[in-house]
Protein backbone atom coordinates (compact mmCIF):
# COMPACT_ATOMS: atom_id res chain seq x y z
CA MET A 1 -57.63 12.51 -1.03
CA GLN A 2 -54.96 12.38 -3.70
CA ASP A 3 -54.12 16.12 -2.93
CA LYS A 4 -53.59 15.10 1.04
CA ASP A 5 -51.61 12.09 -0.15
CA PHE A 6 -49.12 14.53 -2.36
CA ILE A 7 -48.96 16.91 0.27
CA ILE A 8 -47.65 14.21 2.63
CA LYS A 9 -44.92 12.79 0.36
CA ILE A 10 -43.88 16.11 -0.34
CA ALA A 11 -43.33 16.89 3.25
CA VAL A 12 -41.48 13.92 3.85
CA LEU A 13 -39.35 14.94 1.00
CA ALA A 14 -38.75 18.16 2.53
CA ILE A 15 -37.60 16.78 5.61
CA TYR A 16 -35.54 14.42 4.16
CA VAL A 17 -33.89 17.13 1.89
CA GLY A 18 -33.67 19.22 5.41
CA ILE A 19 -31.52 16.46 6.81
CA LEU A 20 -29.22 16.50 4.03
CA PHE A 21 -28.59 20.05 4.27
CA LEU A 22 -27.90 19.75 7.86
CA ILE A 23 -25.49 17.39 6.98
CA GLY A 24 -24.00 19.35 4.49
CA ILE A 25 -23.85 22.21 6.81
CA LEU A 26 -22.26 20.41 9.59
CA ALA A 27 -19.74 18.76 7.20
CA SER A 28 -18.55 22.05 5.75
CA ARG A 29 -17.27 22.79 9.29
CA ARG A 30 -14.71 20.09 8.78
CA ILE A 31 -13.63 21.31 5.34
CA LYS A 32 -10.21 23.21 6.18
CA SER A 33 -8.04 21.92 2.96
CA MET A 34 -8.28 20.23 -0.02
CA SER A 35 -7.70 16.57 1.47
CA ASP A 36 -10.90 17.35 3.72
CA TYR A 37 -12.77 18.06 0.44
CA TYR A 38 -11.69 14.94 -1.64
CA VAL A 39 -11.13 12.55 1.10
CA GLY A 40 -12.25 13.62 4.47
CA GLY A 41 -9.01 14.29 5.83
CA LYS A 42 -8.18 10.37 5.78
CA ASN A 43 -10.14 10.35 9.02
CA MET A 44 -13.30 8.74 8.54
CA GLY A 45 -14.93 5.81 10.91
CA PHE A 46 -15.69 2.28 9.37
CA TRP A 47 -19.59 2.72 10.05
CA ALA A 48 -19.62 5.43 7.68
CA VAL A 49 -17.00 4.35 5.05
CA ALA A 50 -18.76 1.03 5.11
CA PHE A 51 -22.45 2.29 4.37
CA SER A 52 -21.16 5.05 1.93
CA ALA A 53 -19.08 2.50 0.02
CA ARG A 54 -22.15 0.59 -0.34
CA ALA A 55 -24.76 3.02 -0.95
CA THR A 56 -22.48 4.36 -3.61
CA GLY A 57 -21.58 1.29 -5.13
CA GLU A 58 -25.39 0.49 -5.24
CA SER A 59 -26.78 3.31 -6.53
CA GLY A 60 -30.21 3.78 -8.23
CA TRP A 61 -30.13 0.77 -10.05
CA LEU A 62 -30.48 -1.58 -6.88
CA LEU A 63 -33.78 -0.09 -6.25
CA ILE A 64 -35.18 0.79 -9.59
CA GLY A 65 -32.63 -1.48 -11.86
CA LEU A 66 -32.26 -4.57 -9.82
CA THR A 67 -35.81 -4.70 -8.48
CA GLY A 68 -37.23 -4.38 -12.31
CA MET A 69 -34.44 -7.32 -13.31
CA GLY A 70 -35.81 -9.42 -10.63
CA ALA A 71 -39.44 -9.26 -12.00
CA MET A 72 -37.79 -9.83 -15.75
CA ALA A 73 -35.48 -12.76 -14.74
CA GLY A 74 -37.13 -14.82 -11.61
CA TYR A 75 -34.86 -16.74 -9.95
CA SER A 76 -31.91 -16.66 -12.13
CA GLY A 77 -31.75 -13.01 -10.90
CA TYR A 78 -30.02 -13.95 -7.61
CA TRP A 79 -26.72 -14.81 -9.81
CA VAL A 80 -26.36 -10.85 -9.41
CA VAL A 81 -26.28 -11.24 -5.46
CA ALA A 82 -23.96 -13.99 -5.69
CA GLY A 83 -21.48 -11.95 -7.92
CA GLU A 84 -21.58 -8.54 -5.85
CA LEU A 85 -21.11 -10.09 -2.72
CA LEU A 86 -18.34 -12.17 -3.88
CA GLY A 87 -16.96 -8.84 -5.40
CA VAL A 88 -17.51 -6.91 -2.22
CA PHE A 89 -15.87 -9.77 -0.04
CA LEU A 90 -12.61 -10.17 -2.18
CA SER A 91 -12.53 -5.87 -2.16
CA TRP A 92 -12.52 -5.49 1.45
CA GLN A 93 -11.08 -8.91 2.45
CA PHE A 94 -7.47 -8.65 0.22
CA MET A 95 -7.48 -5.77 -1.28
CA ALA A 96 -8.70 -2.64 0.82
CA LYS A 97 -5.31 -2.40 3.40
CA ARG A 98 -2.91 -3.06 0.86
CA PHE A 99 -4.65 0.26 -1.38
CA LYS A 100 -5.07 2.18 2.03
CA ARG A 101 -1.44 1.70 2.98
CA ARG A 102 0.04 2.48 -0.29
CA SER A 103 -2.14 5.20 -0.81
CA ASP A 104 -1.14 6.84 2.48
CA ARG A 105 2.39 6.43 1.91
CA TYR A 106 2.13 8.12 -1.82
CA LYS A 107 0.00 10.84 0.15
CA ALA A 108 -2.56 10.50 -2.67
CA MET A 109 -5.90 11.95 -2.82
CA THR A 110 -7.34 10.87 -6.20
CA ILE A 111 -7.05 7.43 -8.06
CA PRO A 112 -4.60 9.50 -10.58
CA ASP A 113 -2.24 10.27 -7.64
CA TYR A 114 -2.15 6.79 -6.69
CA LEU A 115 -1.13 5.61 -10.20
CA GLN A 116 1.02 8.29 -10.68
CA SER A 117 3.05 7.85 -7.73
CA HIS A 118 3.05 3.92 -7.61
CA PHE A 119 4.71 3.75 -10.72
CA LYS A 120 7.12 6.77 -10.05
CA SER A 121 5.91 8.13 -13.51
CA SER A 122 8.24 10.87 -14.94
CA THR A 123 5.40 12.07 -17.43
CA ASN A 124 1.90 12.88 -17.08
CA THR A 125 0.60 10.47 -19.57
CA LEU A 126 -1.06 8.08 -17.33
CA ARG A 127 -2.56 10.78 -15.08
CA ILE A 128 -4.00 12.43 -18.24
CA ILE A 129 -5.67 9.03 -19.46
CA ALA A 130 -6.60 8.32 -16.05
CA ALA A 131 -8.49 11.57 -15.63
CA SER A 132 -9.88 11.67 -18.87
CA VAL A 133 -11.39 8.40 -18.67
CA LEU A 134 -13.07 9.08 -15.49
CA VAL A 135 -14.61 12.54 -16.58
CA VAL A 136 -16.19 10.55 -19.64
CA PHE A 137 -17.61 7.60 -17.91
CA VAL A 138 -18.57 9.29 -14.41
CA VAL A 139 -20.82 12.05 -16.64
CA ILE A 140 -22.42 9.29 -18.32
CA TYR A 141 -23.10 7.01 -15.00
CA VAL A 142 -24.38 10.41 -13.26
CA ALA A 143 -26.48 11.05 -16.11
CA SER A 144 -28.02 7.56 -15.64
CA GLN A 145 -28.72 8.35 -11.96
CA MET A 146 -30.45 11.59 -12.88
CA ASP A 147 -32.17 9.85 -15.28
CA VAL A 148 -33.75 7.75 -12.42
CA THR A 149 -34.51 10.68 -10.78
CA GLY A 150 -36.51 11.92 -13.21
CA ILE A 151 -38.23 7.97 -13.42
CA ALA A 152 -38.45 7.71 -9.80
CA PHE A 153 -40.50 11.29 -9.41
CA GLU A 154 -42.96 10.63 -12.64
CA SER A 155 -43.69 7.11 -11.28
CA MET A 156 -43.86 7.84 -7.70
CA LEU A 157 -45.09 11.46 -7.46
CA ASN A 158 -46.71 11.96 -10.92
CA ILE A 159 -44.19 14.76 -11.36
CA ASP A 160 -42.79 15.72 -14.84
CA TYR A 161 -39.64 13.78 -15.58
CA ARG A 162 -37.82 16.52 -16.60
CA ILE A 163 -38.94 18.89 -12.95
CA GLY A 164 -37.74 15.61 -11.13
CA ALA A 165 -34.49 15.44 -12.86
CA LEU A 166 -33.84 19.07 -12.02
CA ILE A 167 -35.01 19.00 -8.45
CA GLY A 168 -32.59 15.92 -7.99
CA PHE A 169 -30.18 17.74 -9.49
CA ILE A 170 -30.25 20.58 -7.06
CA ILE A 171 -30.52 19.05 -4.13
CA VAL A 172 -27.36 16.67 -4.68
CA LEU A 173 -25.31 19.69 -5.91
CA LEU A 174 -26.28 21.89 -2.83
CA TYR A 175 -25.15 19.81 -0.05
CA ILE A 176 -22.04 18.81 -2.30
CA PHE A 177 -21.05 22.29 -2.77
CA ILE A 178 -21.30 22.97 0.94
CA GLY A 179 -19.82 19.82 2.27
CA GLY A 180 -17.64 18.33 -0.18
CA PHE A 181 -16.60 14.52 0.45
CA VAL A 182 -17.67 14.63 4.19
CA ALA A 183 -21.05 15.56 3.21
CA ALA A 184 -21.09 12.87 0.54
CA VAL A 185 -19.95 10.23 3.24
CA TRP A 186 -22.04 11.34 6.04
CA SER A 187 -25.38 11.49 3.79
CA ASP A 188 -24.32 8.20 2.09
CA MET A 189 -24.45 6.62 5.52
CA PHE A 190 -27.74 8.07 6.35
CA GLN A 191 -29.28 7.15 2.87
CA GLY A 192 -27.40 3.77 3.41
CA ILE A 193 -29.40 3.15 6.27
CA LEU A 194 -32.59 4.36 4.93
CA MET A 195 -31.78 2.03 1.96
CA PHE A 196 -31.18 -1.26 4.28
CA PHE A 197 -34.36 -1.27 6.29
CA GLY A 198 -36.41 0.10 3.59
CA LEU A 199 -35.45 -2.66 1.07
CA VAL A 200 -35.32 -5.59 3.81
CA LEU A 201 -38.67 -4.80 5.44
CA LEU A 202 -40.39 -4.42 2.14
CA PRO A 203 -40.89 -7.94 0.93
CA ILE A 204 -41.36 -9.22 4.56
CA VAL A 205 -44.68 -6.62 4.94
CA ILE A 206 -45.33 -7.66 0.71
CA TRP A 207 -45.68 -11.33 2.16
CA PHE A 208 -47.73 -10.99 4.80
CA ASN A 209 -50.14 -9.10 2.87
CA MET A 210 -50.08 -11.19 -0.17
CA ASP A 211 -52.60 -14.09 -0.63
CA HIS A 212 -51.04 -17.36 0.06
CA GLY A 213 -53.27 -19.66 -2.11
CA VAL A 214 -49.57 -20.71 -3.78
CA GLY A 215 -45.93 -20.53 -2.79
CA ILE A 216 -43.47 -18.33 -4.77
CA THR A 217 -42.70 -21.14 -6.81
CA GLU A 218 -45.82 -22.19 -7.85
CA GLY A 219 -46.66 -18.61 -8.54
CA LEU A 220 -43.92 -18.29 -11.04
CA ASN A 221 -44.68 -21.36 -12.39
CA ALA A 222 -48.37 -20.48 -13.10
CA ILE A 223 -46.95 -17.42 -15.16
CA ASP A 224 -44.08 -18.98 -17.00
CA PRO A 225 -42.22 -21.91 -15.89
CA THR A 226 -38.47 -20.42 -17.03
CA LEU A 227 -38.95 -17.85 -14.05
CA THR A 228 -38.22 -20.28 -11.74
CA GLN A 229 -34.88 -21.94 -13.56
CA VAL A 230 -31.96 -20.92 -11.35
CA MET A 231 -29.78 -21.70 -14.17
CA GLY A 232 -31.31 -19.48 -16.88
CA ARG A 233 -34.50 -19.00 -18.84
CA SER A 234 -33.26 -20.23 -22.13
CA SER A 235 -33.43 -23.54 -23.98
CA ASP A 236 -30.08 -22.73 -25.06
CA GLY A 237 -27.18 -23.96 -22.40
CA TRP A 238 -24.89 -21.75 -23.59
CA MET A 239 -27.10 -18.83 -23.36
CA ASN A 240 -27.92 -19.44 -20.20
CA LEU A 241 -23.91 -19.78 -19.24
CA PHE A 242 -23.52 -16.39 -20.58
CA THR A 243 -26.55 -15.15 -19.05
CA ILE A 244 -25.28 -16.20 -15.51
CA LEU A 245 -21.88 -14.55 -16.25
CA GLY A 246 -23.39 -11.71 -17.32
CA PHE A 247 -25.26 -11.29 -14.12
CA SER A 248 -22.50 -12.19 -11.58
CA MET A 249 -20.02 -10.77 -13.34
CA ILE A 250 -21.47 -7.24 -12.23
CA GLY A 251 -19.55 -7.73 -9.08
CA LEU A 252 -16.20 -6.99 -10.64
CA GLY A 253 -17.00 -3.60 -10.64
CA PHE A 254 -16.00 -3.59 -6.86
CA LEU A 255 -12.26 -4.69 -7.27
CA GLY A 256 -10.95 -1.19 -7.77
CA SER A 257 -13.89 1.48 -9.01
CA PRO A 258 -12.67 4.71 -7.98
CA GLN A 259 -15.81 5.83 -6.33
CA VAL A 260 -15.69 2.85 -4.06
CA TYR A 261 -11.53 2.61 -3.56
CA VAL A 262 -11.60 6.54 -2.35
CA ARG A 263 -13.63 5.61 0.40
CA PHE A 264 -10.85 3.08 1.22
CA MET A 265 -8.34 6.17 1.40
CA SER A 266 -10.40 8.14 3.51
CA ILE A 267 -10.94 5.42 6.41
CA LYS A 268 -8.94 6.68 9.27
CA SER A 269 -6.72 3.08 9.80
CA GLU A 270 -6.63 -0.34 8.65
CA LYS A 271 -8.31 -1.87 11.69
CA GLU A 272 -11.36 -0.06 10.77
CA ILE A 273 -11.53 -1.99 7.36
CA ASP A 274 -11.79 -5.06 9.03
CA LYS A 275 -14.71 -3.88 10.87
CA GLY A 276 -16.01 -2.09 7.83
CA LYS A 277 -16.02 -5.37 5.88
CA TRP A 278 -18.80 -7.33 7.93
CA VAL A 279 -20.99 -4.09 7.18
CA ALA A 280 -20.40 -3.89 4.06
CA LEU A 281 -21.06 -7.84 3.45
CA PHE A 282 -24.27 -7.87 5.76
CA PHE A 283 -25.58 -4.74 3.74
CA THR A 284 -24.94 -6.39 0.39
CA LEU A 285 -26.08 -9.66 0.94
CA LEU A 286 -29.84 -8.28 2.55
CA THR A 287 -30.24 -5.73 0.47
CA ASP A 288 -29.34 -7.19 -3.05
CA ALA A 289 -31.24 -10.22 -2.44
CA ALA A 290 -34.44 -8.04 -0.97
CA ALA A 291 -34.32 -6.33 -4.20
CA VAL A 292 -34.68 -9.36 -6.40
CA THR A 293 -37.28 -10.60 -4.28
CA ILE A 294 -39.47 -7.75 -4.34
CA GLY A 295 -39.16 -7.97 -8.19
CA ILE A 296 -40.35 -11.54 -7.98
CA LEU A 297 -42.99 -10.80 -5.96
CA ALA A 298 -44.18 -7.86 -8.25
CA ARG A 299 -44.27 -10.38 -11.11
CA ILE A 300 -46.13 -12.84 -9.22
CA TYR A 301 -49.07 -10.35 -8.05
CA PHE A 302 -49.61 -7.94 -10.99
CA THR A 303 -48.81 -10.37 -14.08
CA SER A 304 -50.48 -13.52 -14.99
CA GLU A 305 -49.64 -16.12 -17.93
CA GLY A 306 -49.24 -14.91 -21.37
CA GLN A 307 -49.04 -11.01 -20.70
CA ASP A 308 -45.98 -8.96 -21.61
CA PRO A 309 -44.83 -8.20 -18.17
CA GLU A 310 -43.11 -4.85 -19.63
CA ALA A 311 -46.29 -3.52 -20.36
CA ILE A 312 -47.36 -3.52 -17.05
CA LEU A 313 -44.55 -3.35 -15.02
CA GLY A 314 -42.59 -0.92 -16.94
CA THR A 315 -39.54 -0.89 -19.49
CA GLY A 316 -37.10 -3.08 -17.67
CA GLY A 317 -39.62 -3.46 -14.94
CA GLU A 318 -38.56 0.23 -14.02
CA ASN A 319 -42.29 0.63 -12.09
CA VAL A 320 -41.78 -2.17 -9.93
CA LEU A 321 -40.94 -0.60 -6.65
CA SER A 322 -43.58 2.42 -7.30
CA MET A 323 -46.24 -0.34 -7.83
CA MET A 324 -45.48 -2.22 -5.06
CA THR A 325 -45.00 0.34 -2.23
CA HIS A 326 -48.43 2.24 -3.50
CA GLU A 327 -50.28 -1.09 -3.34
CA PHE A 328 -49.14 -2.61 0.00
CA LEU A 329 -47.84 0.55 2.08
CA PRO A 330 -49.71 3.53 3.46
CA THR A 331 -49.33 6.96 2.01
CA ILE A 332 -46.81 7.78 4.99
CA LEU A 333 -44.80 4.99 4.12
CA VAL A 334 -44.68 5.39 0.29
CA ALA A 335 -43.48 8.97 1.11
CA ILE A 336 -40.60 7.55 2.83
CA PHE A 337 -39.75 5.14 0.23
CA ILE A 338 -39.63 7.87 -2.30
CA ALA A 339 -36.93 9.27 -0.14
CA ILE A 340 -35.19 5.96 -0.23
CA VAL A 341 -35.21 5.96 -3.65
CA LEU A 342 -33.84 9.61 -3.83
CA SER A 343 -31.11 8.35 -1.10
CA ALA A 344 -29.57 5.25 -3.54
CA ILE A 345 -29.66 7.86 -6.06
CA MET A 346 -28.02 10.91 -4.64
CA SER A 347 -25.60 8.63 -2.50
CA THR A 348 -23.97 7.83 -6.28
CA ILE A 349 -24.41 10.96 -7.51
CA ASP A 350 -22.72 12.77 -4.76
CA SER A 351 -19.69 10.56 -4.98
CA LEU A 352 -19.18 10.50 -8.75
CA LEU A 353 -19.37 14.35 -8.85
CA ILE A 354 -16.80 14.76 -6.31
CA LEU A 355 -14.59 11.90 -7.82
CA ALA A 356 -14.89 13.65 -11.68
CA SER A 357 -14.51 17.11 -9.92
CA SER A 358 -10.60 15.68 -8.50
CA ALA A 359 -9.95 14.53 -11.84
CA VAL A 360 -10.33 17.97 -13.44
CA THR A 361 -9.34 20.36 -10.64
CA ARG A 362 -6.20 18.16 -9.32
CA ASP A 363 -4.96 15.77 -11.91
CA PHE A 364 -5.55 18.27 -14.68
CA TYR A 365 -5.62 21.78 -13.63
CA GLN A 366 -3.36 21.85 -10.49
CA LYS A 367 -0.87 18.94 -11.42
CA ILE A 368 -0.62 19.61 -15.14
CA PHE A 369 -1.02 23.10 -15.96
CA ARG A 370 -0.80 25.08 -12.77
CA PRO A 371 1.68 23.01 -10.22
CA ASP A 372 2.37 26.63 -8.50
CA LEU A 373 -1.14 27.08 -6.93
CA LYS A 374 -1.32 25.38 -3.45
CA ASP A 375 -4.45 22.99 -2.33
CA GLU A 376 -6.46 25.80 -0.32
CA ASP A 377 -6.41 28.12 -3.93
CA LEU A 378 -8.58 25.40 -5.51
CA THR A 379 -11.51 25.04 -3.48
CA THR A 380 -13.72 27.73 -5.49
CA PHE A 381 -12.32 26.17 -8.68
CA SER A 382 -13.35 22.62 -7.58
CA ARG A 383 -16.91 23.59 -6.64
CA LEU A 384 -17.14 25.60 -10.13
CA VAL A 385 -15.91 22.56 -11.72
CA THR A 386 -18.65 20.02 -9.93
CA VAL A 387 -21.58 22.10 -10.90
CA GLY A 388 -20.24 22.11 -14.62
CA MET A 389 -19.94 18.01 -14.44
CA ALA A 390 -23.44 17.93 -12.82
CA LEU A 391 -25.02 20.13 -15.93
CA SER A 392 -23.19 18.01 -18.59
CA ALA A 393 -24.80 15.28 -16.88
CA LEU A 394 -28.27 16.27 -16.32
CA GLY A 395 -28.14 17.53 -20.07
CA ILE A 396 -27.35 13.90 -21.09
CA ALA A 397 -30.17 12.42 -19.20
CA ILE A 398 -32.72 14.65 -20.68
CA LEU A 399 -31.36 13.62 -23.93
CA LEU A 400 -31.58 10.12 -23.25
CA TYR A 401 -35.04 10.66 -22.11
CA ASN A 402 -36.00 12.19 -25.23
CA LEU A 403 -34.16 9.97 -28.03
CA TYR A 404 -34.62 6.40 -26.54
CA PRO A 405 -37.92 6.53 -24.42
CA GLU A 406 -37.56 2.45 -24.35
CA ARG A 407 -34.25 2.60 -22.63
CA GLN A 408 -33.59 -0.10 -19.95
CA VAL A 409 -32.41 1.53 -16.83
CA PHE A 410 -30.58 -1.53 -15.41
CA TRP A 411 -28.17 -1.67 -18.38
CA ILE A 412 -27.63 1.78 -18.79
CA MET A 413 -26.22 2.12 -15.43
CA ILE A 414 -24.31 -0.93 -15.82
CA PHE A 415 -22.67 0.69 -19.03
CA GLY A 416 -21.35 3.39 -17.03
CA TRP A 417 -20.39 1.29 -14.06
CA SER A 418 -18.52 -1.32 -16.46
CA GLY A 419 -16.99 1.43 -18.47
CA ILE A 420 -15.34 2.85 -15.23
CA ALA A 421 -14.73 -0.52 -13.71
CA ALA A 422 -13.27 -1.99 -16.91
CA THR A 423 -10.80 1.02 -16.87
CA PHE A 424 -9.62 0.96 -13.25
CA CYS A 425 -10.32 -2.50 -12.06
CA PRO A 426 -7.50 -4.34 -13.72
CA VAL A 427 -5.14 -1.50 -13.20
CA ILE A 428 -5.84 -1.32 -9.30
CA ILE A 429 -5.81 -5.53 -8.99
CA LEU A 430 -2.19 -5.72 -10.88
CA SER A 431 -0.49 -2.71 -9.25
CA LEU A 432 -1.43 -4.35 -5.92
CA PHE A 433 -0.72 -7.62 -6.47
CA TRP A 434 2.39 -7.64 -9.00
CA ASN A 435 5.32 -5.82 -8.54
CA GLY A 436 6.20 -6.30 -12.52
CA TYR A 437 3.32 -4.20 -13.53
CA SER A 438 4.73 -0.99 -15.19
CA GLU A 439 3.43 2.02 -16.22
CA LYS A 440 3.18 1.20 -19.97
CA GLY A 441 1.01 -1.93 -18.65
CA ALA A 442 -1.31 0.33 -16.66
CA ILE A 443 -1.58 2.84 -19.73
CA ALA A 444 -2.50 -0.28 -21.91
CA SER A 445 -4.94 -1.94 -19.40
CA MET A 446 -6.81 1.30 -19.15
CA ILE A 447 -6.70 1.98 -22.83
CA THR A 448 -8.27 -1.26 -23.46
CA GLY A 449 -10.68 -1.61 -20.66
CA PHE A 450 -12.09 1.94 -22.09
CA THR A 451 -12.34 1.28 -25.83
CA SER A 452 -13.24 -2.72 -25.38
CA VAL A 453 -16.67 -1.56 -23.00
CA ILE A 454 -17.19 0.50 -26.30
CA LEU A 455 -16.47 -1.96 -28.73
CA PHE A 456 -18.35 -4.84 -27.00
CA LYS A 457 -21.48 -2.42 -26.42
CA PHE A 458 -21.94 -1.00 -29.90
CA VAL A 459 -19.98 -3.16 -32.26
CA PHE A 460 -19.49 -6.48 -31.20
CA ALA A 461 -23.06 -7.14 -29.88
CA ASN A 462 -24.09 -6.67 -33.22
CA ILE A 463 -22.45 -9.35 -35.12
CA ASP A 464 -25.16 -12.07 -36.31
CA GLY A 465 -25.43 -15.01 -34.00
CA LEU A 466 -22.55 -14.08 -31.69
CA GLY A 467 -24.05 -10.91 -30.63
CA ASP A 468 -26.80 -12.58 -28.86
CA TYR A 469 -24.53 -14.30 -26.54
CA LEU A 470 -22.60 -10.91 -26.25
CA LYS A 471 -25.60 -9.19 -24.81
CA GLU A 472 -26.39 -11.61 -22.33
CA LEU A 473 -22.52 -11.48 -21.17
CA ASP A 474 -22.55 -7.89 -21.55
CA VAL A 475 -19.49 -5.61 -21.63
CA LEU A 476 -18.01 -5.64 -18.24
CA ALA A 477 -16.29 -9.15 -17.89
CA PRO A 478 -14.91 -9.58 -21.51
CA SER A 479 -13.28 -5.96 -21.32
CA PHE A 480 -12.02 -6.65 -17.67
CA ALA A 481 -10.29 -9.79 -18.80
CA LEU A 482 -8.71 -8.09 -22.24
CA ALA A 483 -7.38 -5.40 -20.13
CA MET A 484 -5.81 -8.27 -17.68
CA ILE A 485 -4.11 -9.49 -20.37
CA PHE A 486 -2.78 -6.60 -22.43
CA GLY A 487 -1.52 -4.88 -19.04
CA TYR A 488 0.47 -8.43 -18.34
CA LEU A 489 1.79 -8.68 -21.91
CA VAL A 490 2.68 -4.89 -22.18
CA SER A 491 4.37 -5.01 -18.75
CA LYS A 492 6.40 -8.05 -20.12
CA ILE A 493 7.82 -6.13 -22.92
CA TYR A 494 8.35 -2.60 -20.79
CA PRO A 495 9.28 -3.76 -17.25
CA PRO A 496 8.38 -1.49 -14.29
CA ARG A 497 11.19 1.15 -13.42
CA ALA A 498 13.75 -0.19 -10.78
CA GLU A 499 13.05 2.62 -8.39
CA ALA A 500 9.29 1.84 -8.63
CA VAL A 501 9.74 -1.89 -7.68
CA LYS A 502 12.18 -0.89 -4.76
CA MET A 503 9.55 1.20 -3.01
CA ILE A 504 6.73 -1.19 -3.48
CA GLU A 505 9.02 -3.56 -2.00
CA GLN A 506 9.92 -1.53 1.08
CA ILE A 507 6.15 -0.44 1.59
CA ASP A 508 5.51 -4.40 1.80
CA ALA A 509 8.32 -5.25 3.64
CA GLU A 510 7.48 -2.67 6.40
CA GLN A 511 4.21 -4.44 6.59
CA GLU A 512 5.67 -7.61 7.15
């Protein structure tokens, strides 16, 4: 019977991979230029962009990390949902159109392109810093996604972690290699639809199959009354405040992260953004709330008072989704959920690899060292860079697995996410809404955001007394705030170039 179940799972997985490759082949027919490879020729529809932006923004942490965190945190885990929903709303409502308008005017294909043009930079300093940070944190973030791939194969298919990570690496690399950004967006849309229906329907199925002798609140109270405390589980009010802020501020990452904002570059028009906003909000609300709910139901179903939840549900609850699907679903649906988990992971890996590839190929190689090369001459080189980035990330993932077997998936992913967000979000926000923001201010923001993430994670979090609070707050919110402050102060000392301000005012005046 087990052999039959395994064959069914592999067959469904093969169909899923086949669909991805078909998408890659179809997308490859649209790749005629560097713009097509990196931003889809700036002609993508709102459905594709909205699903792609959300699938990319959520990643494997939604299914593996957030479900597990829901089991560990209980009701307070819903603060993540509130924070993400607010971040997505602010991004689509107030920033996307401005960013689309300006990036089109600058003919930008990458975030460093946008920044270089926006500040009318006369040197490559800004481009070099932006591209360097992208490469570092993108590789870390991709490594965390490959780490989850290995975990998913091991927990859901009983395939060795290293083999699972390698299979995921090969799958995503092949269809990106074939179809570039278009393949990434189309496959993200397909994968996003799978994620949406899988996550939303699973807690409903579980609920109708559970014993309803007690309700959810009563079930959690029987295990640990602190699980029902929405304002945090600690008896220390300050600790609860820092915990809530740490959860809700994850949504800051949607206010300018390059892997999300390159989607706004690719959308065909500003009108499409208005339509895509509602798709993105609906997706975020339902999938995030469903993920936390799945974790809460798992805590009630699998654990009891006095038990260590991690001993049953895995480190950080990483096995929650696997245990729930195997417990409540037939084999064929378990197989589909394996594909859904891979969808969440692949949809982020593909976008990030293309982003990192563009940073090396266009922002380093072409713009700095070989400006004589035309875009069409770089296609092969960009694909080779993509392979190199993917191999580096795979190596880091295997290293994490061997050196830190007790690592918590949720927070490793958030570290990579936070590094990208703290470096770029303050820069994007200030560049869109303050004409007094200068190139030197942007450089200060990026350096501050980048270094603060590392300092808060590895230095300040170890300070006696204060460190415990900072661990709950995590690294994104304080790093984000410091990057904003330093960007403002340095811009006041070193104002922007007059011609850059004039250009921005012209663009804004044309819109009015």
